[in-house]
C-alpha atoms as a PDB file:
ATOM      1  CA  MET A   1      66.017  51.213  14.446  1.00  0.00           C
ATOM      2  CA  ASN A   2      64.589  54.339  12.848  1.00  0.00           C
ATOM      3  CA  ASP A   3      61.730  54.386  15.388  1.00  0.00           C
ATOM      4  CA  LEU A   4      64.131  54.083  18.344  1.00  0.00           C
ATOM      5  CA  LEU A   5      66.347  56.803  16.924  1.00  0.00           C
ATOM      6  CA  HIS A   6      63.294  58.988  16.304  1.00  0.00           C
ATOM      7  CA  LEU A   7      62.203  58.551  19.943  1.00  0.00           C
ATOM      8  CA  ALA A   8      65.710  59.376  21.139  1.00  0.00           C
ATOM      9  CA  VAL A   9      65.668  62.580  19.088  1.00  0.00           C
ATOM     10  CA  LEU A  10      62.287  63.560  20.527  1.00  0.00           C
ATOM     11  CA  HIS A  11      63.568  63.024  24.058  1.00  0.00           C
ATOM     12  CA  GLY A  12      66.800  64.898  23.379  1.00  0.00           C
ATOM     13  CA  THR A  13      69.126  61.941  23.915  1.00  0.00           C
ATOM     14  CA  ALA A  14      70.418  61.825  20.329  1.00  0.00           C
ATOM     15  CA  SER A  15      70.936  64.199  17.458  1.00  0.00           C
ATOM     16  CA  ALA A  16      68.463  64.302  14.582  1.00  0.00           C
ATOM     17  CA  PRO A  17      68.941  61.559  12.015  1.00  0.00           C
ATOM     18  CA  SER A  18      70.604  62.555   8.796  1.00  0.00           C
ATOM     19  CA  SER A  19      68.340  62.063   5.817  1.00  0.00           C
ATOM     20  CA  GLY A  20      71.376  62.117   3.602  1.00  0.00           C
ATOM     21  CA  LEU A  21      72.627  59.213   1.581  1.00  0.00           C
ATOM     22  CA  PRO A  22      76.314  58.867   0.763  1.00  0.00           C
ATOM     23  CA  GLY A  23      77.086  60.642  -2.480  1.00  0.00           C
ATOM     24  CA  TYR A  24      74.036  62.908  -2.354  1.00  0.00           C
ATOM     25  CA  PRO A  25      74.284  66.605  -1.527  1.00  0.00           C
ATOM     26  CA  GLN A  26      72.845  67.673   1.789  1.00  0.00           C
ATOM     27  CA  SER A  27      69.984  70.127   1.717  1.00  0.00           C
ATOM     28  CA  ALA A  28      68.375  71.862   4.673  1.00  0.00           C
ATOM     29  CA  LEU A  29      65.098  71.962   2.723  1.00  0.00           C
ATOM     30  CA  LEU A  30      65.096  68.201   2.046  1.00  0.00           C
ATOM     31  CA  ASN A  31      66.127  67.458   5.642  1.00  0.00           C
ATOM     32  CA  GLN A  32      63.240  69.630   6.868  1.00  0.00           C
ATOM     33  CA  ALA A  33      60.782  67.772   4.612  1.00  0.00           C
ATOM     34  CA  TYR A  34      62.052  64.443   5.932  1.00  0.00           C
ATOM     35  CA  ALA A  35      61.731  65.605   9.541  1.00  0.00           C
ATOM     36  CA  LEU A  36      58.135  66.744   8.909  1.00  0.00           C
ATOM     37  CA  TRP A  37      57.340  63.366   7.289  1.00  0.00           C
ATOM     38  CA  LEU A  38      58.763  61.530  10.316  1.00  0.00           C
ATOM     39  CA  ALA A  39      56.754  63.682  12.735  1.00  0.00           C
ATOM     40  CA  ALA A  40      53.520  63.248  10.759  1.00  0.00           C
ATOM     41  CA  ARG A  41      53.684  59.468  10.526  1.00  0.00           C
ATOM     42  CA  GLY A  42      53.427  58.879  14.269  1.00  0.00           C
ATOM     43  CA  ARG A  43      53.259  55.126  14.892  1.00  0.00           C
ATOM     44  CA  ALA A  44      52.284  54.301  11.297  1.00  0.00           C
ATOM     45  CA  GLU A  45      54.798  53.120   8.749  1.00  0.00           C
ATOM     46  CA  MET A  46      53.913  56.145   6.593  1.00  0.00           C
ATOM     47  CA  PRO A  47      51.783  59.243   7.209  1.00  0.00           C
ATOM     48  CA  ALA A  48      48.471  59.796   5.468  1.00  0.00           C
ATOM     49  CA  ARG A  49      48.245  62.748   3.131  1.00  0.00           C
ATOM     50  CA  ARG A  50      45.466  64.317   5.210  1.00  0.00           C
ATOM     51  CA  GLY A  51      47.549  63.902   8.369  1.00  0.00           C
ATOM     52  CA  LEU A  52      50.477  65.676   6.773  1.00  0.00           C
ATOM     53  CA  ASP A  53      48.209  68.470   5.488  1.00  0.00           C
ATOM     54  CA  GLU A  54      46.627  68.898   8.938  1.00  0.00           C
ATOM     55  CA  ARG A  55      49.941  69.021  10.808  1.00  0.00           C
ATOM     56  CA  HIS A  56      51.757  71.147   8.226  1.00  0.00           C
ATOM     57  CA  PRO A  57      49.215  72.915   5.985  1.00  0.00           C
ATOM     58  CA  GLY A  58      51.824  75.070   4.229  1.00  0.00           C
ATOM     59  CA  LEU A  59      54.338  72.237   3.883  1.00  0.00           C
ATOM     60  CA  LEU A  60      56.997  73.708   1.637  1.00  0.00           C
ATOM     61  CA  HIS A  61      54.336  74.254  -1.050  1.00  0.00           C
ATOM     62  CA  ALA A  62      56.445  76.278  -3.468  1.00  0.00           C
ATOM     63  CA  GLN A  63      59.010  73.479  -3.804  1.00  0.00           C
ATOM     64  CA  THR A  64      56.843  70.357  -3.790  1.00  0.00           C
ATOM     65  CA  LEU A  65      55.014  68.076  -6.166  1.00  0.00           C
ATOM     66  CA  LEU A  66      52.235  65.710  -5.202  1.00  0.00           C
ATOM     67  CA  PHE A  67      51.610  62.541  -7.208  1.00  0.00           C
ATOM     68  CA  SER A  68      48.823  60.010  -6.860  1.00  0.00           C
ATOM     69  CA  VAL A  69      49.891  56.414  -7.374  1.00  0.00           C
ATOM     70  CA  ALA A  70      48.003  54.116  -9.765  1.00  0.00           C
ATOM     71  CA  ARG A  71      48.540  50.379  -9.866  1.00  0.00           C
ATOM     72  CA  ASP A  72      48.016  47.726 -12.537  1.00  0.00           C
ATOM     73  CA  PRO A  73      49.852  49.179 -14.354  1.00  0.00           C
ATOM     74  CA  LEU A  74      51.997  51.331 -12.101  1.00  0.00           C
ATOM     75  CA  ASP A  75      51.835  55.031 -12.955  1.00  0.00           C
ATOM     76  CA  PHE A  76      52.066  58.407 -11.239  1.00  0.00           C
ATOM     77  CA  ARG A  77      49.653  61.314 -11.808  1.00  0.00           C
ATOM     78  CA  TYR A  78      50.687  64.925 -11.152  1.00  0.00           C
ATOM     79  CA  LYS A  79      48.143  66.254  -8.617  1.00  0.00           C
ATOM     80  CA  LEU A  80      49.803  69.464  -7.391  1.00  0.00           C
ATOM     81  CA  ILE A  81      52.857  71.371  -8.566  1.00  0.00           C
ATOM     82  CA  GLY A  82      54.410  74.033  -6.337  1.00  0.00           C
ATOM     83  CA  SER A  83      54.780  77.560  -7.689  1.00  0.00           C
ATOM     84  CA  ARG A  84      58.611  77.511  -7.756  1.00  0.00           C
ATOM     85  CA  ILE A  85      58.606  74.204  -9.638  1.00  0.00           C
ATOM     86  CA  GLN A  86      55.875  75.350 -12.040  1.00  0.00           C
ATOM     87  CA  ALA A  87      57.942  78.450 -12.844  1.00  0.00           C
ATOM     88  CA  ILE A  88      60.834  76.372 -14.224  1.00  0.00           C
ATOM     89  CA  LEU A  89      58.839  73.657 -16.008  1.00  0.00           C
ATOM     90  CA  ASN A  90      58.465  73.742 -19.768  1.00  0.00           C
ATOM     91  CA  THR A  91      54.870  72.443 -19.526  1.00  0.00           C
ATOM     92  CA  ASP A  92      52.073  72.347 -16.962  1.00  0.00           C
ATOM     93  CA  TYR A  93      51.911  68.647 -16.125  1.00  0.00           C
ATOM     94  CA  THR A  94      48.983  68.919 -13.679  1.00  0.00           C
ATOM     95  CA  GLY A  95      46.621  65.998 -14.296  1.00  0.00           C
ATOM     96  CA  MET A  96      49.068  64.158 -16.559  1.00  0.00           C
ATOM     97  CA  THR A  97      50.691  60.832 -15.756  1.00  0.00           C
ATOM     98  CA  LEU A  98      54.408  60.164 -15.988  1.00  0.00           C
ATOM     99  CA  SER A  99      53.726  57.620 -18.743  1.00  0.00           C
ATOM    100  CA  GLN A 100      52.341  60.496 -20.852  1.00  0.00           C
ATOM    101  CA  VAL A 101      55.587  62.485 -20.593  1.00  0.00           C
ATOM    102  CA  PRO A 102      58.194  60.980 -22.959  1.00  0.00           C
ATOM    103  CA  HIS A 103      61.300  61.936 -20.964  1.00  0.00           C
ATOM    104  CA  GLN A 104      59.766  60.859 -17.630  1.00  0.00           C
ATOM    105  CA  ARG A 105      58.117  57.527 -18.499  1.00  0.00           C
ATOM    106  CA  SER A 106      59.902  54.281 -17.723  1.00  0.00           C
ATOM    107  CA  PRO A 107      62.825  53.923 -18.067  1.00  0.00           C
ATOM    108  CA  SER A 108      63.897  57.270 -16.587  1.00  0.00           C
ATOM    109  CA  LEU A 109      65.509  58.498 -13.373  1.00  0.00           C
ATOM    110  CA  VAL A 110      62.300  60.234 -12.321  1.00  0.00           C
ATOM    111  CA  TRP A 111      60.294  57.025 -12.804  1.00  0.00           C
ATOM    112  CA  ASP A 112      62.958  54.983 -10.998  1.00  0.00           C
ATOM    113  CA  HIS A 113      62.985  57.272  -7.957  1.00  0.00           C
ATOM    114  CA  LEU A 114      59.190  57.358  -7.634  1.00  0.00           C
ATOM    115  CA  SER A 115      58.782  53.613  -8.103  1.00  0.00           C
ATOM    116  CA  ALA A 116      61.615  52.940  -5.610  1.00  0.00           C
ATOM    117  CA  ALA A 117      59.714  54.898  -2.926  1.00  0.00           C
ATOM    118  CA  VAL A 118      56.571  52.879  -3.674  1.00  0.00           C
ATOM    119  CA  ASP A 119      58.439  49.562  -3.587  1.00  0.00           C
ATOM    120  CA  ALA A 120      60.446  50.383  -0.444  1.00  0.00           C
ATOM    121  CA  ARG A 121      57.542  52.193   1.265  1.00  0.00           C
ATOM    122  CA  ALA A 122      60.215  54.577   2.495  1.00  0.00           C
ATOM    123  CA  PRO A 123      61.714  57.950   1.511  1.00  0.00           C
ATOM    124  CA  VAL A 124      64.127  58.046  -1.421  1.00  0.00           C
ATOM    125  CA  LYS A 125      66.581  60.859  -2.108  1.00  0.00           C
ATOM    126  CA  GLY A 126      67.864  61.497  -5.585  1.00  0.00           C
ATOM    127  CA  VAL A 127      69.473  63.862  -8.030  1.00  0.00           C
ATOM    128  CA  VAL A 128      68.315  64.423 -11.593  1.00  0.00           C
ATOM    129  CA  PRO A 129      69.716  66.753 -14.220  1.00  0.00           C
ATOM    130  CA  TYR A 130      67.699  69.844 -14.991  1.00  0.00           C
ATOM    131  CA  VAL A 131      66.569  70.153 -18.586  1.00  0.00           C
ATOM    132  CA  GLY A 132      64.776  73.416 -19.124  1.00  0.00           C
ATOM    133  CA  ARG A 133      64.951  77.098 -19.952  1.00  0.00           C
ATOM    134  CA  SER A 134      66.023  78.530 -16.596  1.00  0.00           C
ATOM    135  CA  ARG A 135      69.703  79.474 -16.512  1.00  0.00           C
ATOM    136  CA  ASP A 136      69.472  79.779 -12.721  1.00  0.00           C
ATOM    137  CA  VAL A 137      69.097  76.015 -12.211  1.00  0.00           C
ATOM    138  CA  GLY A 138      71.943  73.550 -12.544  1.00  0.00           C
ATOM    139  CA  GLY A 139      70.333  70.401 -11.154  1.00  0.00           C
ATOM    140  CA  VAL A 140      67.474  69.040  -9.097  1.00  0.00           C
ATOM    141  CA  TYR A 141      67.870  67.388  -5.677  1.00  0.00           C
ATOM    142  CA  HIS A 142      64.751  65.769  -4.297  1.00  0.00           C
ATOM    143  CA  ILE A 143      63.298  63.525  -1.651  1.00  0.00           C
ATOM    144  CA  VAL A 144      60.325  61.311  -2.466  1.00  0.00           C
ATOM    145  CA  LEU A 145      58.121  60.829   0.600  1.00  0.00           C
ATOM    146  CA  PRO A 146      55.530  58.045   0.400  1.00  0.00           C
ATOM    147  CA  LEU A 147      52.077  58.661   1.882  1.00  0.00           C
ATOM    148  CA  ALA A 148      49.473  56.036   2.754  1.00  0.00           C
ATOM    149  CA  ASP A 149      45.925  56.687   3.917  1.00  0.00           C
ATOM    150  CA  ASP A 150      45.857  53.242   5.542  1.00  0.00           C
ATOM    151  CA  GLY A 151      49.415  53.597   6.887  1.00  0.00           C
ATOM    152  CA  GLU A 152      50.634  50.708   4.709  1.00  0.00           C
ATOM    153  CA  THR A 153      49.706  51.065   1.010  1.00  0.00           C
ATOM    154  CA  VAL A 154      51.410  53.935  -0.816  1.00  0.00           C
ATOM    155  CA  ASP A 155      48.717  55.999  -2.543  1.00  0.00           C
ATOM    156  CA  HIS A 156      50.467  59.374  -2.887  1.00  0.00           C
ATOM    157  CA  LEU A 157      54.037  60.607  -3.172  1.00  0.00           C
ATOM    158  CA  LEU A 158      55.112  64.001  -1.884  1.00  0.00           C
ATOM    159  CA  VAL A 159      58.274  65.136  -3.635  1.00  0.00           C
ATOM    160  CA  CYS A 160      60.205  68.012  -2.138  1.00  0.00           C
ATOM    161  CA  VAL A 161      62.630  69.634  -4.578  1.00  0.00           C
ATOM    162  CA  ASP A 162      65.716  71.739  -3.951  1.00  0.00           C
ATOM    163  CA  LEU A 163      67.180  73.443  -6.989  1.00  0.00           C
ATOM    164  CA  ALA A 164      70.941  73.493  -7.366  1.00  0.00           C
ATOM    165  CA  PRO A 165      72.645  76.562  -8.782  1.00  0.00           C
ATOM    166  CA  PRO A 166      74.309  76.196 -12.155  1.00  0.00           C
ATOM    167  CA  VAL A 167      77.966  75.235 -12.314  1.00  0.00           C
ATOM    168  CA  ARG A 168      80.173  78.112 -13.442  1.00  0.00           C
ATOM    169  CA  LEU A 169      83.806  78.235 -14.499  1.00  0.00           C
ATOM    170  CA  GLN A 170      86.220  80.604 -12.748  1.00  0.00           C
ATOM    171  CA  ASP A 171      85.534  83.275 -15.345  1.00  0.00           C
ATOM    172  CA  GLY A 172      81.777  82.988 -14.625  1.00  0.00           C
ATOM    173  CA  THR A 173      80.771  81.226 -17.822  1.00  0.00           C
ATOM    174  CA  PRO A 174      78.864  77.936 -17.851  1.00  0.00           C
ATOM    175  CA  PRO A 175      80.974  74.887 -18.765  1.00  0.00           C
ATOM    176  CA  PHE A 176      81.078  73.848 -22.405  1.00  0.00           C
ATOM    177  CA  THR A 177      79.832  77.183 -23.724  1.00  0.00           C
ATOM    178  CA  GLN A 178      83.287  77.758 -25.187  1.00  0.00           C
ATOM    179  CA  LEU A 179      83.352  74.533 -27.220  1.00  0.00           C
ATOM    180  CA  GLY A 180      83.786  75.267 -30.863  1.00  0.00           C
ATOM    181  CA  SER A 181      84.506  78.939 -30.234  1.00  0.00           C
ATOM    182  CA  THR A 182      88.253  78.569 -30.691  1.00  0.00           C
ATOM    183  CA  GLN A 183      89.657  77.738 -34.064  1.00  0.00           C
ATOM    184  CA  LEU A 184      92.186  74.975 -34.315  1.00  0.00           C
ATOM    185  CA  GLY A 185      95.103  75.166 -36.677  1.00  0.00           C
END
């Protein structure tokens, strides 16, 4: 069905497919990443990393992460971290595996989203809370795009990240900053 819809979009007989899932915020950046992934895969189930790099050499680099996938046991190694993502991280994870990062190893939302894309061999959208020093980030929306050099076996994951602004109260303060500041009694 996705292939027929994709062909219809290319021929102008249908509107572009929504990459959104019910309950997840829509993001032009994530939709663009999904559209590029669809275009790069051609007739294969998934695009190869080199094919994606050749078609879109500057593919959203500032807001992406690239993981290699290891099996037996399953793990994910940080290969590349975009400049915007690196700027808000507490640590440079390049070269590390998710199992080496306590808050990202299994069980965690990050692990679950990456492993779901490997298992499904299809894109997975998700939302994770932001835990870090930047006061300009309220949450992290992402799409995990599986890549396969042979078109079938996931060997890399491209994760495109859109950063949500922080939630503010009507007076401009972040929620919960006022807890404990009023005296009862």
